[in-house]
Amino acid sequence: MLKVNYCILATVFLIQLNIAKEAYSNFDAQFNTQCPLTPSIWDDTPFEGKIIKNNNLRKKVGSPDFAEGEFINITGKVLDSSCVPVAEAVIEIWQADASGNIVPTSNKIDKNFAYTGTAITNNLGQYSFFTIFPGVVDKQAPRIHFKVKHPDFLPFESYMYFPNNNLNEFDSSLKNIVDKKEKNLLIAAYTETINVPVTYNFNLTLGGVNKYKRY
């Protein structure tokens, strides 16, 4: 008769059980990942100007020259609360020019600067803008206003701030956010490359779940 080595069978069973537990744990973690939500900041007076449907603010369409100021790039992703990329999100931005003028409230504007722009995220949730470093408005920190629209999510607005700027600690909107980790979510990371404009990375995590894309 065939002799059964129960010790070997028990060992094999335990190994397979541990593998199954690890696989389930990884699967469960994948579908229960929570990304910290980007804090929202809504203006008391909404922007009433025209949002240009272009992601390049450095040179307004039809202008002969580029706007004054330091060229910068902005890149990032739009994610849902489970860290899943959100495709086809419409991102609108508006900002001051290099001298701190904004439209439509200022008559001293840079005629070559667009002041507003629009980008649409790709399948990976990625977006990009080409703009200039904004000037100071009303003693607030340099910042860029973001608005995100998507049919699966509530409208979202907030600001992107710049790292290592002394005015950040005095900015009235940023001061209202008490939690330091939440505050840091509004401050973009940056990379510098020789002969290339500084690139700021700013990810936006929206509350809710993307209905049509799961991993």
N, C-alpha and C. Protein backbone atom coordinates (compact mmCIF):
# COMPACT_ATOMS: atom_id res chain seq x y z
N MET A 1 0.83 -1.21 0.00
CA MET A 1 0.00 0.00 0.00
C MET A 1 0.87 1.26 0.00
N LEU A 2 0.32 2.29 -0.62
CA LEU A 2 1.04 3.56 -0.70
C LEU A 2 1.02 4.24 0.66
N LYS A 3 2.21 4.52 1.15
CA LYS A 3 2.30 5.19 2.44
C LYS A 3 2.21 6.71 2.25
N VAL A 4 1.41 7.34 3.06
CA VAL A 4 1.21 8.79 2.97
C VAL A 4 2.03 9.48 4.05
N ASN A 5 2.87 10.40 3.64
CA ASN A 5 3.66 11.18 4.59
C ASN A 5 2.86 12.43 4.95
N TYR A 6 2.15 12.33 6.08
CA TYR A 6 1.26 13.43 6.46
C TYR A 6 2.02 14.71 6.80
N CYS A 7 3.25 14.59 7.23
CA CYS A 7 4.04 15.79 7.55
C CYS A 7 4.32 16.60 6.28
N ILE A 8 4.66 15.87 5.20
CA ILE A 8 4.93 16.56 3.93
C ILE A 8 3.66 17.21 3.40
N LEU A 9 2.53 16.48 3.48
CA LEU A 9 1.26 17.03 3.01
C LEU A 9 0.87 18.28 3.80
N ALA A 10 1.09 18.21 5.11
CA ALA A 10 0.75 19.36 5.95
C ALA A 10 1.61 20.57 5.61
N THR A 11 2.90 20.31 5.34
CA THR A 11 3.81 21.40 4.99
C THR A 11 3.40 22.05 3.67
N VAL A 12 3.08 21.21 2.67
CA VAL A 12 2.65 21.73 1.37
C VAL A 12 1.37 22.54 1.51
N PHE A 13 0.45 22.02 2.33
CA PHE A 13 -0.82 22.72 2.54
C PHE A 13 -0.60 24.10 3.16
N LEU A 14 0.29 24.17 4.15
CA LEU A 14 0.56 25.44 4.82
C LEU A 14 1.22 26.45 3.87
N ILE A 15 2.12 25.94 3.02
CA ILE A 15 2.77 26.82 2.04
C ILE A 15 1.74 27.41 1.08
N GLN A 16 0.86 26.54 0.57
CA GLN A 16 -0.18 26.99 -0.35
C GLN A 16 -1.15 27.96 0.32
N LEU A 17 -1.43 27.71 1.60
CA LEU A 17 -2.33 28.59 2.35
C LEU A 17 -1.71 29.98 2.51
N ASN A 18 -0.42 30.02 2.81
CA ASN A 18 0.27 31.31 2.97
C ASN A 18 0.32 32.08 1.65
N ILE A 19 0.54 31.34 0.55
CA ILE A 19 0.56 31.99 -0.77
C ILE A 19 -0.81 32.59 -1.08
N ALA A 20 -1.87 31.83 -0.76
CA ALA A 20 -3.23 32.31 -1.01
C ALA A 20 -3.54 33.54 -0.16
N LYS A 21 -3.10 33.51 1.11
CA LYS A 21 -3.33 34.66 1.99
C LYS A 21 -2.62 35.91 1.47
N GLU A 22 -1.38 35.73 1.01
CA GLU A 22 -0.61 36.87 0.50
C GLU A 22 -1.26 37.44 -0.75
N ALA A 23 -1.71 36.54 -1.64
CA ALA A 23 -2.36 36.99 -2.87
C ALA A 23 -3.64 37.75 -2.55
N TYR A 24 -4.41 37.25 -1.59
CA TYR A 24 -5.65 37.93 -1.21
C TYR A 24 -5.35 39.29 -0.59
N SER A 25 -4.30 39.32 0.23
CA SER A 25 -3.92 40.58 0.88
C SER A 25 -3.53 41.63 -0.15
N ASN A 26 -2.75 41.21 -1.16
CA ASN A 26 -2.35 42.15 -2.22
C ASN A 26 -3.56 42.60 -3.03
N PHE A 27 -4.46 41.67 -3.32
CA PHE A 27 -5.68 42.00 -4.07
C PHE A 27 -6.54 42.97 -3.28
N ASP A 28 -6.69 42.69 -1.98
CA ASP A 28 -7.53 43.55 -1.15
C ASP A 28 -6.93 44.94 -1.02
N ALA A 29 -5.60 45.01 -0.89
CA ALA A 29 -4.94 46.31 -0.77
C ALA A 29 -5.08 47.11 -2.05
N GLN A 30 -5.03 46.40 -3.18
CA GLN A 30 -5.13 47.08 -4.47
C GLN A 30 -6.47 47.78 -4.62
N PHE A 31 -7.53 47.15 -4.13
CA PHE A 31 -8.86 47.70 -4.33
C PHE A 31 -9.35 48.53 -3.15
N ASN A 32 -8.52 48.64 -2.12
CA ASN A 32 -8.92 49.44 -0.97
C ASN A 32 -7.91 50.55 -0.67
N THR A 33 -7.05 50.85 -1.64
CA THR A 33 -6.10 51.93 -1.47
C THR A 33 -6.84 53.26 -1.40
N GLN A 34 -6.45 54.07 -0.47
CA GLN A 34 -7.07 55.38 -0.32
C GLN A 34 -6.02 56.46 -0.54
N CYS A 35 -6.28 57.35 -1.48
CA CYS A 35 -5.39 58.49 -1.70
C CYS A 35 -5.89 59.68 -0.88
N PRO A 36 -4.99 60.43 -0.27
CA PRO A 36 -5.44 61.63 0.46
C PRO A 36 -6.06 62.63 -0.49
N LEU A 37 -7.24 63.13 -0.14
CA LEU A 37 -7.96 64.05 -1.02
C LEU A 37 -7.30 65.42 -1.02
N THR A 38 -7.24 66.03 -2.18
CA THR A 38 -6.71 67.39 -2.29
C THR A 38 -7.70 68.36 -1.66
N PRO A 39 -7.25 69.21 -0.73
CA PRO A 39 -8.17 70.17 -0.11
C PRO A 39 -8.76 71.12 -1.15
N SER A 40 -10.04 71.40 -1.02
CA SER A 40 -10.69 72.34 -1.94
C SER A 40 -10.67 73.74 -1.35
N ILE A 41 -10.51 74.72 -2.22
CA ILE A 41 -10.58 76.13 -1.83
C ILE A 41 -11.47 76.83 -2.86
N TRP A 42 -12.56 77.40 -2.40
CA TRP A 42 -13.49 78.08 -3.30
C TRP A 42 -13.41 79.57 -3.07
N ASP A 43 -13.31 80.33 -4.16
CA ASP A 43 -13.30 81.78 -4.06
C ASP A 43 -14.68 82.31 -3.68
N ASP A 44 -14.68 83.38 -2.89
CA ASP A 44 -15.96 84.03 -2.56
C ASP A 44 -16.59 84.63 -3.81
N THR A 45 -15.74 85.14 -4.70
CA THR A 45 -16.23 85.71 -5.96
C THR A 45 -15.70 84.87 -7.11
N PRO A 46 -16.54 84.08 -7.76
CA PRO A 46 -16.08 83.20 -8.84
C PRO A 46 -15.55 83.97 -10.03
N PHE A 47 -14.63 83.35 -10.76
CA PHE A 47 -14.06 83.96 -11.95
C PHE A 47 -15.14 84.13 -13.02
N GLU A 48 -15.24 85.33 -13.57
CA GLU A 48 -16.30 85.61 -14.53
C GLU A 48 -15.78 85.86 -15.95
N GLY A 49 -14.48 85.74 -16.14
CA GLY A 49 -13.93 85.94 -17.47
C GLY A 49 -14.07 84.71 -18.35
N LYS A 50 -13.58 84.81 -19.57
CA LYS A 50 -13.64 83.71 -20.51
C LYS A 50 -12.43 82.80 -20.32
N ILE A 51 -12.68 81.50 -20.21
CA ILE A 51 -11.60 80.52 -20.09
C ILE A 51 -11.18 80.09 -21.49
N ILE A 52 -9.91 80.30 -21.80
CA ILE A 52 -9.40 79.95 -23.13
C ILE A 52 -9.20 78.44 -23.23
N LYS A 53 -9.59 77.87 -24.36
CA LYS A 53 -9.50 76.42 -24.57
C LYS A 53 -8.14 76.03 -25.14
N ASN A 54 -7.11 76.30 -24.37
CA ASN A 54 -5.75 76.03 -24.81
C ASN A 54 -4.90 75.85 -23.56
N ASN A 55 -3.93 74.92 -23.60
CA ASN A 55 -3.11 74.70 -22.40
C ASN A 55 -1.80 75.49 -22.41
N ASN A 56 -1.63 76.37 -23.41
CA ASN A 56 -0.43 77.20 -23.49
C ASN A 56 -0.82 78.65 -23.20
N LEU A 57 -0.45 79.13 -22.01
CA LEU A 57 -0.80 80.49 -21.61
C LEU A 57 0.29 81.50 -21.94
N ARG A 58 1.46 81.02 -22.34
CA ARG A 58 2.62 81.91 -22.52
C ARG A 58 2.43 82.90 -23.67
N LYS A 59 1.66 82.49 -24.66
CA LYS A 59 1.47 83.34 -25.83
C LYS A 59 0.03 83.23 -26.29
N LYS A 60 -0.72 84.30 -26.07
CA LYS A 60 -2.12 84.29 -26.46
C LYS A 60 -2.24 84.13 -27.97
N VAL A 61 -3.24 83.39 -28.40
CA VAL A 61 -3.45 83.16 -29.83
C VAL A 61 -3.58 84.50 -30.55
N GLY A 62 -2.77 84.68 -31.59
CA GLY A 62 -2.79 85.91 -32.37
C GLY A 62 -1.80 86.95 -31.90
N SER A 63 -1.15 86.73 -30.74
CA SER A 63 -0.18 87.69 -30.23
C SER A 63 1.16 87.52 -30.94
N PRO A 64 1.87 88.62 -31.20
CA PRO A 64 3.15 88.52 -31.91
C PRO A 64 4.29 88.04 -31.03
N ASP A 65 4.19 88.24 -29.71
CA ASP A 65 5.29 87.92 -28.81
C ASP A 65 4.81 87.07 -27.63
N PHE A 66 5.79 86.52 -26.91
CA PHE A 66 5.48 85.78 -25.70
C PHE A 66 5.24 86.75 -24.54
N ALA A 67 4.56 86.25 -23.53
CA ALA A 67 4.32 87.04 -22.33
C ALA A 67 5.62 87.27 -21.57
N GLU A 68 5.65 88.32 -20.77
CA GLU A 68 6.80 88.59 -19.92
C GLU A 68 6.77 87.64 -18.73
N GLY A 69 7.95 87.33 -18.20
CA GLY A 69 8.02 86.50 -17.01
C GLY A 69 8.79 85.21 -17.22
N GLU A 70 8.93 84.46 -16.13
CA GLU A 70 9.67 83.19 -16.14
C GLU A 70 8.77 82.07 -16.65
N PHE A 71 9.22 81.41 -17.71
CA PHE A 71 8.46 80.28 -18.25
C PHE A 71 8.50 79.11 -17.26
N ILE A 72 7.36 78.48 -17.05
CA ILE A 72 7.29 77.26 -16.24
C ILE A 72 6.36 76.27 -16.92
N ASN A 73 6.56 74.99 -16.60
CA ASN A 73 5.65 73.93 -17.04
C ASN A 73 4.93 73.37 -15.81
N ILE A 74 3.69 72.96 -15.99
CA ILE A 74 2.94 72.31 -14.92
C ILE A 74 2.43 70.98 -15.44
N THR A 75 2.74 69.91 -14.73
CA THR A 75 2.25 68.58 -15.10
C THR A 75 1.63 67.94 -13.87
N GLY A 76 0.84 66.91 -14.09
CA GLY A 76 0.26 66.21 -12.96
C GLY A 76 -0.77 65.20 -13.40
N LYS A 77 -1.45 64.63 -12.41
CA LYS A 77 -2.50 63.65 -12.66
C LYS A 77 -3.75 64.02 -11.87
N VAL A 78 -4.89 63.60 -12.40
CA VAL A 78 -6.14 63.66 -11.66
C VAL A 78 -6.51 62.23 -11.28
N LEU A 79 -6.72 61.99 -9.98
CA LEU A 79 -7.01 60.65 -9.46
C LEU A 79 -8.31 60.67 -8.68
N ASP A 80 -8.92 59.47 -8.54
CA ASP A 80 -10.07 59.39 -7.65
C ASP A 80 -9.58 58.98 -6.26
N SER A 81 -10.50 58.80 -5.32
CA SER A 81 -10.10 58.54 -3.94
C SER A 81 -9.42 57.19 -3.75
N SER A 82 -9.51 56.31 -4.77
CA SER A 82 -8.82 55.02 -4.72
C SER A 82 -7.53 55.03 -5.53
N CYS A 83 -7.08 56.21 -5.89
CA CYS A 83 -5.83 56.40 -6.65
C CYS A 83 -5.94 55.95 -8.10
N VAL A 84 -7.15 55.79 -8.61
CA VAL A 84 -7.35 55.40 -10.01
C VAL A 84 -7.35 56.66 -10.88
N PRO A 85 -6.59 56.68 -11.98
CA PRO A 85 -6.57 57.86 -12.85
C PRO A 85 -7.95 58.19 -13.41
N VAL A 86 -8.22 59.47 -13.52
CA VAL A 86 -9.50 59.94 -14.07
C VAL A 86 -9.24 60.50 -15.46
N ALA A 87 -9.73 59.81 -16.47
CA ALA A 87 -9.56 60.26 -17.86
C ALA A 87 -10.65 61.26 -18.23
N GLU A 88 -10.32 62.13 -19.18
CA GLU A 88 -11.25 63.11 -19.75
C GLU A 88 -11.81 64.08 -18.70
N ALA A 89 -11.03 64.35 -17.68
CA ALA A 89 -11.38 65.43 -16.75
C ALA A 89 -10.98 66.75 -17.38
N VAL A 90 -11.84 67.74 -17.30
CA VAL A 90 -11.56 69.06 -17.84
C VAL A 90 -10.96 69.92 -16.73
N ILE A 91 -9.75 70.41 -16.96
CA ILE A 91 -9.06 71.24 -15.97
C ILE A 91 -8.97 72.66 -16.52
N GLU A 92 -9.49 73.60 -15.78
CA GLU A 92 -9.39 75.02 -16.14
C GLU A 92 -8.53 75.72 -15.11
N ILE A 93 -7.63 76.58 -15.58
CA ILE A 93 -6.80 77.36 -14.65
C ILE A 93 -6.90 78.83 -15.01
N TRP A 94 -6.68 79.67 -14.01
CA TRP A 94 -6.51 81.10 -14.25
C TRP A 94 -5.53 81.64 -13.22
N GLN A 95 -4.81 82.69 -13.59
CA GLN A 95 -3.72 83.18 -12.75
C GLN A 95 -3.37 84.62 -13.11
N ALA A 96 -2.51 85.20 -12.28
CA ALA A 96 -1.99 86.54 -12.56
C ALA A 96 -0.82 86.46 -13.53
N ASP A 97 -0.54 87.58 -14.18
CA ASP A 97 0.66 87.64 -15.02
C ASP A 97 1.88 87.88 -14.12
N ALA A 98 3.03 88.07 -14.73
CA ALA A 98 4.27 88.21 -13.96
C ALA A 98 4.27 89.43 -13.05
N SER A 99 3.47 90.45 -13.40
CA SER A 99 3.42 91.68 -12.60
C SER A 99 2.31 91.67 -11.56
N GLY A 100 1.56 90.57 -11.48
CA GLY A 100 0.49 90.48 -10.49
C GLY A 100 -0.84 91.03 -10.96
N ASN A 101 -0.98 91.25 -12.26
CA ASN A 101 -2.25 91.72 -12.80
C ASN A 101 -3.14 90.53 -13.14
N ILE A 102 -4.44 90.69 -12.91
CA ILE A 102 -5.39 89.64 -13.24
C ILE A 102 -6.50 90.22 -14.10
N VAL A 103 -7.17 89.36 -14.85
CA VAL A 103 -8.31 89.79 -15.65
C VAL A 103 -9.57 89.15 -15.08
N PRO A 104 -10.74 89.77 -15.22
CA PRO A 104 -10.98 91.03 -15.93
C PRO A 104 -10.92 92.26 -15.04
N THR A 105 -10.26 92.18 -13.87
CA THR A 105 -10.32 93.27 -12.90
C THR A 105 -9.23 94.32 -13.09
N SER A 106 -8.24 94.07 -13.94
CA SER A 106 -7.12 94.99 -14.08
C SER A 106 -7.04 95.53 -15.50
N ASN A 107 -6.69 96.81 -15.61
CA ASN A 107 -6.49 97.43 -16.92
C ASN A 107 -5.04 97.33 -17.38
N LYS A 108 -4.13 97.04 -16.44
CA LYS A 108 -2.71 96.94 -16.76
C LYS A 108 -2.36 95.48 -17.00
N ILE A 109 -2.69 95.00 -18.18
CA ILE A 109 -2.48 93.58 -18.45
C ILE A 109 -1.39 93.38 -19.49
N ASP A 110 -0.84 92.18 -19.49
CA ASP A 110 0.13 91.78 -20.51
C ASP A 110 -0.67 91.29 -21.72
N LYS A 111 -0.63 92.04 -22.79
CA LYS A 111 -1.47 91.73 -23.95
C LYS A 111 -1.09 90.42 -24.64
N ASN A 112 0.08 89.90 -24.32
CA ASN A 112 0.51 88.64 -24.94
C ASN A 112 0.21 87.41 -24.08
N PHE A 113 -0.24 87.65 -22.85
CA PHE A 113 -0.47 86.54 -21.92
C PHE A 113 -1.94 86.13 -21.95
N ALA A 114 -2.19 84.81 -21.86
CA ALA A 114 -3.56 84.30 -21.98
C ALA A 114 -4.35 84.40 -20.67
N TYR A 115 -3.68 84.34 -19.53
CA TYR A 115 -4.29 84.44 -18.19
C TYR A 115 -5.13 83.21 -17.81
N THR A 116 -5.69 82.51 -18.76
CA THR A 116 -6.49 81.33 -18.47
C THR A 116 -6.10 80.21 -19.44
N GLY A 117 -6.46 78.98 -19.09
CA GLY A 117 -6.16 77.86 -19.97
C GLY A 117 -6.99 76.64 -19.62
N THR A 118 -7.00 75.69 -20.54
CA THR A 118 -7.77 74.45 -20.36
C THR A 118 -6.95 73.26 -20.81
N ALA A 119 -7.04 72.17 -20.05
CA ALA A 119 -6.42 70.91 -20.44
C ALA A 119 -7.40 69.78 -20.14
N ILE A 120 -7.28 68.69 -20.88
CA ILE A 120 -8.13 67.51 -20.66
C ILE A 120 -7.21 66.32 -20.39
N THR A 121 -7.49 65.60 -19.32
CA THR A 121 -6.62 64.49 -18.95
C THR A 121 -6.71 63.34 -19.95
N ASN A 122 -5.58 62.64 -20.13
CA ASN A 122 -5.56 61.48 -21.02
C ASN A 122 -5.99 60.23 -20.25
N ASN A 123 -5.79 59.05 -20.85
CA ASN A 123 -6.25 57.80 -20.23
C ASN A 123 -5.54 57.49 -18.92
N LEU A 124 -4.38 58.10 -18.71
CA LEU A 124 -3.63 57.90 -17.46
C LEU A 124 -3.91 59.01 -16.45
N GLY A 125 -4.86 59.87 -16.77
CA GLY A 125 -5.20 60.97 -15.87
C GLY A 125 -4.23 62.13 -15.93
N GLN A 126 -3.33 62.14 -16.92
CA GLN A 126 -2.27 63.15 -16.97
C GLN A 126 -2.73 64.41 -17.69
N TYR A 127 -2.16 65.54 -17.27
CA TYR A 127 -2.43 66.82 -17.92
C TYR A 127 -1.15 67.65 -17.93
N SER A 128 -1.14 68.74 -18.68
CA SER A 128 0.01 69.64 -18.67
C SER A 128 -0.42 71.05 -19.08
N PHE A 129 0.31 72.03 -18.56
CA PHE A 129 0.13 73.44 -18.94
C PHE A 129 1.51 74.06 -19.15
N PHE A 130 1.55 75.06 -20.03
CA PHE A 130 2.76 75.84 -20.28
C PHE A 130 2.42 77.29 -19.97
N THR A 131 3.05 77.83 -18.95
CA THR A 131 2.64 79.16 -18.49
C THR A 131 3.85 79.92 -17.95
N ILE A 132 3.59 80.94 -17.13
CA ILE A 132 4.67 81.71 -16.51
C ILE A 132 4.45 81.72 -15.00
N PHE A 133 5.51 82.04 -14.28
CA PHE A 133 5.40 82.13 -12.82
C PHE A 133 4.54 83.34 -12.47
N PRO A 134 3.45 83.14 -11.69
CA PRO A 134 2.53 84.25 -11.43
C PRO A 134 3.09 85.26 -10.43
N GLY A 135 2.71 86.51 -10.63
CA GLY A 135 3.10 87.56 -9.70
C GLY A 135 2.20 87.57 -8.46
N VAL A 136 2.52 88.46 -7.54
CA VAL A 136 1.80 88.55 -6.27
C VAL A 136 0.57 89.43 -6.45
N VAL A 137 -0.57 88.95 -5.93
CA VAL A 137 -1.83 89.70 -5.98
C VAL A 137 -2.31 89.94 -4.55
N ASP A 138 -2.52 91.19 -4.19
CA ASP A 138 -3.06 91.54 -2.86
C ASP A 138 -2.28 90.89 -1.72
N LYS A 139 -0.97 90.84 -1.85
CA LYS A 139 -0.07 90.31 -0.82
C LYS A 139 -0.28 88.82 -0.54
N GLN A 140 -1.01 88.13 -1.44
CA GLN A 140 -1.16 86.68 -1.32
C GLN A 140 0.03 85.99 -1.98
N ALA A 141 0.26 84.75 -1.61
CA ALA A 141 1.36 83.99 -2.21
C ALA A 141 1.10 83.77 -3.69
N PRO A 142 2.15 83.67 -4.51
CA PRO A 142 1.94 83.30 -5.91
C PRO A 142 1.19 81.97 -5.99
N ARG A 143 0.17 81.91 -6.81
CA ARG A 143 -0.66 80.71 -6.86
C ARG A 143 -1.42 80.66 -8.18
N ILE A 144 -1.89 79.48 -8.51
CA ILE A 144 -2.67 79.28 -9.72
C ILE A 144 -3.97 78.60 -9.33
N HIS A 145 -5.07 79.14 -9.81
CA HIS A 145 -6.39 78.61 -9.48
C HIS A 145 -6.73 77.45 -10.42
N PHE A 146 -7.14 76.32 -9.84
CA PHE A 146 -7.52 75.13 -10.60
C PHE A 146 -9.01 74.85 -10.41
N LYS A 147 -9.66 74.48 -11.49
CA LYS A 147 -11.04 73.99 -11.44
C LYS A 147 -11.11 72.71 -12.25
N VAL A 148 -11.67 71.64 -11.66
CA VAL A 148 -11.76 70.35 -12.33
C VAL A 148 -13.22 69.97 -12.49
N LYS A 149 -13.57 69.55 -13.71
CA LYS A 149 -14.94 69.13 -14.00
C LYS A 149 -14.93 67.75 -14.66
N HIS A 150 -15.83 66.88 -14.18
CA HIS A 150 -15.97 65.54 -14.74
C HIS A 150 -17.36 65.04 -14.35
N PRO A 151 -18.07 64.36 -15.26
CA PRO A 151 -19.45 63.95 -14.95
C PRO A 151 -19.60 62.99 -13.77
N ASP A 152 -18.53 62.28 -13.40
CA ASP A 152 -18.61 61.33 -12.29
C ASP A 152 -18.32 61.97 -10.93
N PHE A 153 -17.90 63.25 -10.93
CA PHE A 153 -17.47 63.87 -9.69
C PHE A 153 -18.10 65.25 -9.54
N LEU A 154 -18.18 65.69 -8.29
CA LEU A 154 -18.65 67.04 -8.03
C LEU A 154 -17.60 68.04 -8.51
N PRO A 155 -18.01 69.23 -8.92
CA PRO A 155 -17.03 70.26 -9.33
C PRO A 155 -16.03 70.52 -8.20
N PHE A 156 -14.80 70.74 -8.60
CA PHE A 156 -13.72 70.91 -7.61
C PHE A 156 -12.91 72.15 -7.95
N GLU A 157 -12.57 72.94 -6.93
CA GLU A 157 -11.70 74.10 -7.12
C GLU A 157 -10.68 74.16 -6.00
N SER A 158 -9.49 74.62 -6.35
CA SER A 158 -8.45 74.82 -5.34
C SER A 158 -7.32 75.63 -5.95
N TYR A 159 -6.26 75.84 -5.17
CA TYR A 159 -5.08 76.56 -5.64
C TYR A 159 -3.87 75.64 -5.67
N MET A 160 -2.97 75.91 -6.59
CA MET A 160 -1.65 75.32 -6.57
C MET A 160 -0.67 76.38 -6.10
N TYR A 161 0.10 76.05 -5.07
CA TYR A 161 1.11 76.96 -4.54
C TYR A 161 2.51 76.47 -4.91
N PHE A 162 3.48 77.34 -4.74
CA PHE A 162 4.85 77.03 -5.14
C PHE A 162 5.72 76.77 -3.92
N PRO A 163 6.64 75.81 -4.03
CA PRO A 163 7.46 75.44 -2.88
C PRO A 163 8.47 76.53 -2.52
N ASN A 164 8.82 76.55 -1.23
CA ASN A 164 9.88 77.43 -0.72
C ASN A 164 9.60 78.91 -0.96
N ASN A 165 8.32 79.27 -0.97
CA ASN A 165 7.97 80.68 -1.15
C ASN A 165 7.61 81.28 0.21
N ASN A 166 8.26 82.38 0.56
CA ASN A 166 8.08 82.97 1.88
C ASN A 166 6.66 83.46 2.14
N LEU A 167 5.91 83.75 1.08
CA LEU A 167 4.56 84.27 1.25
C LEU A 167 3.53 83.17 1.54
N ASN A 168 3.92 81.92 1.40
CA ASN A 168 2.96 80.83 1.64
C ASN A 168 2.38 80.89 3.06
N GLU A 169 3.23 81.19 4.04
CA GLU A 169 2.76 81.18 5.43
C GLU A 169 1.82 82.34 5.74
N PHE A 170 1.78 83.34 4.86
CA PHE A 170 0.90 84.49 5.08
C PHE A 170 -0.34 84.47 4.20
N ASP A 171 -0.41 83.51 3.28
CA ASP A 171 -1.55 83.44 2.36
C ASP A 171 -2.82 83.11 3.14
N SER A 172 -3.86 83.91 2.96
CA SER A 172 -5.08 83.76 3.76
C SER A 172 -5.77 82.42 3.52
N SER A 173 -5.78 81.94 2.28
CA SER A 173 -6.44 80.66 1.99
C SER A 173 -5.64 79.49 2.54
N LEU A 174 -4.33 79.54 2.39
CA LEU A 174 -3.48 78.44 2.86
C LEU A 174 -3.45 78.39 4.39
N LYS A 175 -3.55 79.55 5.04
CA LYS A 175 -3.55 79.60 6.50
C LYS A 175 -4.78 78.93 7.09
N ASN A 176 -5.87 78.90 6.34
CA ASN A 176 -7.11 78.30 6.84
C ASN A 176 -7.03 76.78 6.92
N ILE A 177 -6.04 76.19 6.28
CA ILE A 177 -5.85 74.74 6.33
C ILE A 177 -4.90 74.43 7.48
N VAL A 178 -5.42 73.84 8.54
CA VAL A 178 -4.64 73.65 9.76
C VAL A 178 -3.69 72.47 9.63
N ASP A 179 -4.17 71.36 9.06
CA ASP A 179 -3.37 70.15 8.98
C ASP A 179 -2.20 70.35 8.01
N LYS A 180 -0.98 70.12 8.50
CA LYS A 180 0.21 70.36 7.68
C LYS A 180 0.27 69.43 6.47
N LYS A 181 -0.15 68.17 6.65
CA LYS A 181 -0.12 67.22 5.54
C LYS A 181 -1.08 67.66 4.43
N GLU A 182 -2.26 68.13 4.82
CA GLU A 182 -3.21 68.62 3.83
C GLU A 182 -2.68 69.86 3.13
N LYS A 183 -2.05 70.73 3.89
CA LYS A 183 -1.48 71.95 3.32
C LYS A 183 -0.41 71.62 2.28
N ASN A 184 0.40 70.61 2.58
CA ASN A 184 1.47 70.22 1.66
C ASN A 184 0.93 69.66 0.34
N LEU A 185 -0.31 69.15 0.36
CA LEU A 185 -0.91 68.63 -0.87
C LEU A 185 -1.17 69.73 -1.89
N LEU A 186 -1.19 70.98 -1.44
CA LEU A 186 -1.44 72.11 -2.34
C LEU A 186 -0.15 72.77 -2.82
N ILE A 187 0.98 72.28 -2.35
CA ILE A 187 2.28 72.84 -2.75
C ILE A 187 2.93 71.90 -3.76
N ALA A 188 3.16 72.40 -4.94
CA ALA A 188 3.67 71.56 -6.03
C ALA A 188 5.12 71.15 -5.79
N ALA A 189 5.47 69.97 -6.27
CA ALA A 189 6.87 69.55 -6.32
C ALA A 189 7.47 70.12 -7.61
N TYR A 190 8.79 70.15 -7.69
CA TYR A 190 9.39 70.70 -8.91
C TYR A 190 10.69 70.00 -9.26
N THR A 191 11.02 70.07 -10.54
CA THR A 191 12.28 69.55 -11.05
C THR A 191 12.91 70.60 -11.95
N GLU A 192 14.22 70.70 -11.88
CA GLU A 192 14.96 71.66 -12.71
C GLU A 192 15.90 70.91 -13.64
N THR A 193 15.90 71.32 -14.90
CA THR A 193 16.79 70.75 -15.90
C THR A 193 17.45 71.90 -16.65
N ILE A 194 18.71 71.73 -16.98
CA ILE A 194 19.45 72.79 -17.67
C ILE A 194 18.78 73.13 -19.00
N ASN A 195 18.61 74.43 -19.24
CA ASN A 195 18.06 74.96 -20.49
C ASN A 195 16.60 74.57 -20.74
N VAL A 196 15.91 74.15 -19.69
CA VAL A 196 14.49 73.79 -19.80
C VAL A 196 13.74 74.51 -18.68
N PRO A 197 12.56 75.08 -18.97
CA PRO A 197 11.80 75.73 -17.89
C PRO A 197 11.53 74.77 -16.73
N VAL A 198 11.48 75.33 -15.52
CA VAL A 198 11.19 74.52 -14.34
C VAL A 198 9.83 73.85 -14.50
N THR A 199 9.77 72.57 -14.16
CA THR A 199 8.51 71.82 -14.24
C THR A 199 7.98 71.58 -12.83
N TYR A 200 6.75 72.01 -12.60
CA TYR A 200 6.08 71.79 -11.32
C TYR A 200 5.07 70.67 -11.49
N ASN A 201 5.09 69.73 -10.55
CA ASN A 201 4.17 68.60 -10.59
C ASN A 201 3.09 68.77 -9.53
N PHE A 202 1.83 68.72 -9.97
CA PHE A 202 0.71 68.97 -9.07
C PHE A 202 -0.39 67.96 -9.35
N ASN A 203 -0.52 66.97 -8.46
CA ASN A 203 -1.57 65.96 -8.59
C ASN A 203 -2.82 66.38 -7.83
N LEU A 204 -3.97 66.01 -8.38
CA LEU A 204 -5.25 66.36 -7.77
C LEU A 204 -6.04 65.08 -7.52
N THR A 205 -6.42 64.86 -6.27
CA THR A 205 -7.22 63.69 -5.92
C THR A 205 -8.62 64.14 -5.53
N LEU A 206 -9.61 63.64 -6.27
CA LEU A 206 -10.99 64.04 -6.07
C LEU A 206 -11.72 63.06 -5.17
N GLY A 207 -12.71 63.54 -4.44
CA GLY A 207 -13.54 62.65 -3.64
C GLY A 207 -14.47 61.86 -4.54
N GLY A 208 -14.64 60.59 -4.25
CA GLY A 208 -15.50 59.74 -5.08
C GLY A 208 -14.68 58.73 -5.85
N VAL A 209 -15.38 57.89 -6.61
CA VAL A 209 -14.75 56.78 -7.32
C VAL A 209 -15.07 56.87 -8.80
N ASN A 210 -14.06 56.62 -9.62
CA ASN A 210 -14.22 56.59 -11.06
C ASN A 210 -15.09 55.38 -11.44
N LYS A 211 -16.23 55.61 -12.04
CA LYS A 211 -17.19 54.53 -12.30
C LYS A 211 -16.75 53.57 -13.39
N TYR A 212 -15.96 54.04 -14.34
CA TYR A 212 -15.75 53.26 -15.55
C TYR A 212 -14.35 52.67 -15.69
N LYS A 213 -13.51 52.87 -14.69
CA LYS A 213 -12.15 52.34 -14.83
C LYS A 213 -11.68 51.78 -13.51
N ARG A 214 -11.48 50.49 -13.45
CA ARG A 214 -10.97 49.84 -12.25
C ARG A 214 -9.77 48.98 -12.63
N TYR A 215 -8.87 48.80 -11.69
CA TYR A 215 -7.71 47.93 -11.91
C TYR A 215 -7.77 46.77 -10.93
